[in-house]
């Protein structure tokens, strides 16, 4: 049995190790974890930058990867406490973004300001307990290559956004968005899609997307 398995199999040891890594009732790791553990455990690509005012709630028990030539701008928060965060090459995470894993962002994606991608939901079914005491569920969010997500957009757990999509500012994305689509609104709906036969972007009629 490996060391990680021993920790997972012993509840008291698991609590102790968690306390060593994270202060009680907090999400941010202790400074020694940020300084001496994360730089060796997580991957940061060549030419990439994490701005000084970014909040990195990144811990060693889930992966965090930042590709080559990518940037996480100031005032953003990255949290991998309940799921890995994977950011591809030449990605720009804009000012004030919040990424809560599990999240996968593929190459050449642009996120504008104050975008929220959260792969986490709180359980709430038991009304005899406060919601924060009922645990969480997680589902992966995936953003395809070369997609642009506008400011103040929220993407909920389990959603896949295709490649080369545009998500208009202020949208709330609750369902999957197919490749080469423009989506707007709350909840977001596809209003335009690239038609591979005609070679132009066409309006979606009667909620029937164009052929790609």
Protein backbone atom coordinates (compact mmCIF):
# COMPACT_ATOMS: atom_id res chain seq x y z
CA UNK A 1 0.00 0.00 0.00
CA UNK A 2 1.38 3.39 -1.03
CA UNK A 3 1.72 6.40 1.25
CA UNK A 4 -1.28 8.18 -0.29
CA UNK A 5 -3.44 5.07 0.17
CA UNK A 6 -2.41 4.86 3.82
CA UNK A 7 -3.47 8.45 4.38
CA UNK A 8 -6.82 7.93 2.63
CA UNK A 9 -7.45 4.75 4.62
CA UNK A 10 -6.88 6.35 8.02
CA UNK A 11 -9.39 9.08 8.86
CA UNK A 12 -7.36 10.54 11.75
CA UNK A 13 -4.17 10.64 9.68
CA UNK A 14 -6.11 12.17 6.78
CA UNK A 15 -7.44 14.95 9.04
CA UNK A 16 -3.94 15.61 10.40
CA UNK A 17 -2.36 15.83 6.95
CA UNK A 18 -5.19 18.09 5.78
CA UNK A 19 -4.55 20.37 8.77
CA UNK A 20 -0.84 20.48 7.89
CA UNK A 21 -1.67 21.61 4.37
CA UNK A 22 -4.69 23.87 4.93
CA UNK A 23 -5.82 25.87 8.01
CA UNK A 24 -9.12 24.69 9.46
CA UNK A 25 -12.21 25.95 7.60
CA UNK A 26 -10.05 27.59 4.92
CA UNK A 27 -9.48 26.95 1.21
CA UNK A 28 -6.08 28.60 0.79
CA UNK A 29 -3.05 26.36 1.44
CA UNK A 30 -0.48 27.23 4.07
CA UNK A 31 2.43 29.30 2.82
CA UNK A 32 4.92 26.44 3.13
CA UNK A 33 2.78 24.40 0.72
CA UNK A 34 2.79 27.22 -1.84
CA UNK A 35 6.55 27.74 -1.47
CA UNK A 36 7.95 24.22 -1.10
CA UNK A 37 5.38 21.73 -2.41
CA UNK A 38 3.34 23.16 -5.28
CA UNK A 39 6.31 24.32 -7.41
CA UNK A 40 7.56 20.73 -7.57
CA UNK A 41 4.20 18.98 -7.84
CA UNK A 42 2.33 21.14 -10.38
CA UNK A 43 3.25 22.02 -13.96
CA UNK A 44 3.84 25.52 -15.29
CA UNK A 45 4.75 25.75 -18.98
CA UNK A 46 7.52 27.69 -20.66
CA UNK A 47 6.85 31.41 -20.98
CA UNK A 48 3.72 31.31 -18.81
CA UNK A 49 2.85 33.87 -16.17
CA UNK A 50 0.74 33.87 -13.00
CA UNK A 51 0.30 37.48 -11.88
CA UNK A 52 1.24 38.43 -8.32
CA UNK A 53 -2.31 39.30 -7.28
CA UNK A 54 -3.73 35.94 -8.35
CA UNK A 55 -5.10 33.82 -5.51
CA UNK A 56 -3.79 30.28 -5.96
CA UNK A 57 -5.85 27.93 -3.78
CA UNK A 58 -3.85 25.06 -5.23
CA UNK A 59 -3.09 21.89 -3.28
CA UNK A 60 -1.00 18.80 -4.03
CA UNK A 61 -3.77 16.21 -3.87
CA UNK A 62 -5.27 17.29 -7.22
CA UNK A 63 -3.40 18.35 -10.37
CA UNK A 64 -2.86 21.87 -11.62
CA UNK A 65 -1.31 22.40 -15.05
CA UNK A 66 -0.64 25.63 -16.93
CA UNK A 67 0.53 25.26 -20.54
CA UNK A 68 3.13 27.20 -22.49
CA UNK A 69 2.79 30.93 -23.14
CA UNK A 70 -0.34 31.21 -21.01
CA UNK A 71 -1.30 33.93 -18.52
CA UNK A 72 -3.49 34.11 -15.42
CA UNK A 73 -4.26 37.76 -14.77
CA UNK A 74 -4.49 39.61 -11.45
CA UNK A 75 -7.38 39.15 -9.01
CA UNK A 76 -8.23 35.70 -10.37
CA UNK A 77 -8.74 32.66 -8.14
CA UNK A 78 -7.68 29.13 -9.07
CA UNK A 79 -8.97 26.33 -6.83
CA UNK A 80 -8.19 22.64 -7.33
CA UNK A 81 -9.37 21.48 -3.91
CA UNK A 82 -12.07 19.15 -5.26
CA UNK A 83 -10.88 18.67 -8.85
CA UNK A 84 -7.95 19.23 -11.15
CA UNK A 85 -7.48 22.42 -13.16
CA UNK A 86 -5.89 22.01 -16.59
CA UNK A 87 -5.11 25.11 -18.67
CA UNK A 88 -3.65 24.67 -22.16
CA UNK A 89 -1.16 26.58 -24.28
CA UNK A 90 -1.55 30.25 -25.23
CA UNK A 91 -4.54 30.74 -22.94
CA UNK A 92 -5.44 34.05 -21.32
CA UNK A 93 -7.36 33.90 -18.04
CA UNK A 94 -8.68 37.44 -17.66
CA UNK A 95 -8.84 39.79 -14.68
CA UNK A 96 -10.94 38.55 -11.78
CA UNK A 97 -11.75 35.10 -13.13
CA UNK A 98 -12.67 32.22 -10.81
CA UNK A 99 -11.82 28.65 -11.80
CA UNK A 100 -12.92 25.84 -9.45
CA UNK A 101 -12.01 22.36 -10.64
CA UNK A 102 -12.59 20.02 -12.22
CA UNK A 103 -11.98 22.31 -15.20
CA UNK A 104 -10.16 21.72 -18.50
CA UNK A 105 -9.39 24.70 -20.75
CA UNK A 106 -7.81 23.78 -24.06
CA UNK A 107 -5.36 25.74 -26.24
CA UNK A 108 -5.84 29.32 -27.48
CA UNK A 109 -8.84 30.09 -25.26
CA UNK A 110 -9.58 33.64 -24.11
CA UNK A 111 -11.59 34.37 -20.97
CA UNK A 112 -12.55 38.02 -20.46
CA UNK A 113 -13.10 39.68 -17.07
CA UNK A 114 -14.98 38.20 -14.08
CA UNK A 115 -15.74 34.85 -15.71
CA UNK A 116 -16.69 32.00 -13.35
CA UNK A 117 -16.16 28.33 -14.19
CA UNK A 118 -17.11 26.08 -11.28
CA UNK A 119 -17.10 22.31 -11.54
CA UNK A 120 -18.43 22.13 -7.97
CA UNK A 121 -21.96 22.08 -6.58
CA UNK A 122 -22.97 21.92 -2.92
CA UNK A 123 -25.34 19.17 -1.85
CA UNK A 124 -28.52 20.51 -0.24
CA UNK A 125 -31.11 17.69 -0.01
CA UNK A 126 -30.98 17.17 3.79
CA UNK A 127 -32.83 20.10 5.37
CA UNK A 128 -31.72 19.03 8.87
CA UNK A 129 -28.15 20.11 8.07
CA UNK A 130 -26.65 23.35 6.80
CA UNK A 131 -25.73 23.13 3.15
CA UNK A 132 -22.02 23.57 3.83
CA UNK A 133 -22.04 20.39 5.96
CA UNK A 134 -23.52 18.14 3.25
CA UNK A 135 -20.49 17.77 1.03
CA UNK A 136 -20.18 18.51 -2.66
CA UNK A 137 -20.58 16.93 -6.08
CA UNK A 138 -18.30 17.63 -9.02
CA UNK A 139 -18.57 17.43 -12.81
CA UNK A 140 -15.90 18.41 -15.31
CA UNK A 141 -16.19 21.66 -17.26
CA UNK A 142 -14.44 21.59 -20.64
CA UNK A 143 -13.75 24.58 -22.89
CA UNK A 144 -12.64 23.70 -26.42
CA UNK A 145 -9.80 25.19 -28.46
CA UNK A 146 -9.86 28.82 -29.64
CA UNK A 147 -13.06 29.71 -27.77
CA UNK A 148 -13.75 33.19 -26.40
CA UNK A 149 -15.90 33.67 -23.28
CA UNK A 150 -17.17 37.19 -22.63
CA UNK A 151 -17.07 39.16 -19.39
CA UNK A 152 -19.28 38.20 -16.41
CA UNK A 153 -20.18 34.81 -17.85
CA UNK A 154 -20.92 31.84 -15.56
CA UNK A 155 -20.36 28.26 -16.70
CA UNK A 156 -21.90 25.60 -14.44
CA UNK A 157 -20.60 22.15 -13.54
CA UNK A 158 -20.68 19.45 -16.22
CA UNK A 159 -20.87 21.77 -19.24
CA UNK A 160 -18.76 21.27 -22.37
CA UNK A 161 -18.22 24.26 -24.65
CA UNK A 162 -16.97 23.30 -28.11
CA UNK A 163 -14.08 24.66 -30.12
CA UNK A 164 -14.05 28.14 -31.70
CA UNK A 165 -17.17 29.27 -29.86
CA UNK A 166 -18.18 32.74 -28.71
CA UNK A 167 -20.06 33.04 -25.42
CA UNK A 168 -21.53 36.54 -25.09
CA UNK A 169 -20.84 38.58 -21.98
CA UNK A 170 -23.22 38.02 -19.07
CA UNK A 171 -24.32 34.58 -20.25
CA UNK A 172 -25.09 31.67 -17.92
CA UNK A 173 -24.10 28.44 -19.64
CA UNK A 174 -26.11 25.53 -18.27
CA UNK A 175 -25.96 23.13 -21.24
CA UNK A 176 -23.33 21.97 -23.72
CA UNK A 177 -22.51 24.31 -26.61
CA UNK A 178 -21.52 22.64 -29.92
CA UNK A 179 -18.42 23.54 -31.92
CA UNK A 180 -18.37 26.78 -33.93
CA UNK A 181 -21.32 28.38 -32.15
CA UNK A 182 -22.28 31.79 -30.80
CA UNK A 183 -24.34 31.55 -27.59
CA UNK A 184 -26.01 34.31 -25.58
CA UNK A 185 -28.33 34.80 -22.62
CA UNK A 186 -29.46 33.25 -19.36
CA UNK A 187 -29.69 30.36 -19.87
CA UNK A 188 -27.35 30.59 -22.85
CA UNK A 189 -28.73 29.46 -26.19
CA UNK A 190 -27.07 29.11 -29.57
CA UNK A 191 -28.05 31.97 -31.92
CA UNK A 192 -25.50 31.50 -34.68
CA UNK A 193 -23.36 28.63 -35.97
CA UNK A 194 -20.79 28.15 -38.70
CA UNK A 195 -22.09 26.20 -41.67
CA UNK A 196 -19.34 24.10 -43.21
CA UNK A 197 -21.29 23.69 -46.46
CA UNK A 198 -21.90 27.38 -47.14
CA UNK A 199 -18.72 28.58 -45.44
CA UNK A 200 -20.54 31.32 -43.49
CA UNK A 201 -21.86 31.92 -39.99
CA UNK A 202 -25.64 31.50 -40.05
CA UNK A 203 -28.39 32.38 -37.62
CA UNK A 204 -29.95 29.40 -35.91
CA UNK A 205 -33.59 28.96 -36.90
CA UNK A 206 -36.11 27.19 -34.67
CA UNK A 207 -33.28 26.09 -32.38
CA UNK A 208 -31.89 23.89 -35.15
CA UNK A 209 -28.14 24.45 -35.54
CA UNK A 210 -26.53 24.69 -38.96
CA UNK A 211 -24.62 21.75 -40.40
CA UNK A 212 -20.89 21.91 -39.60
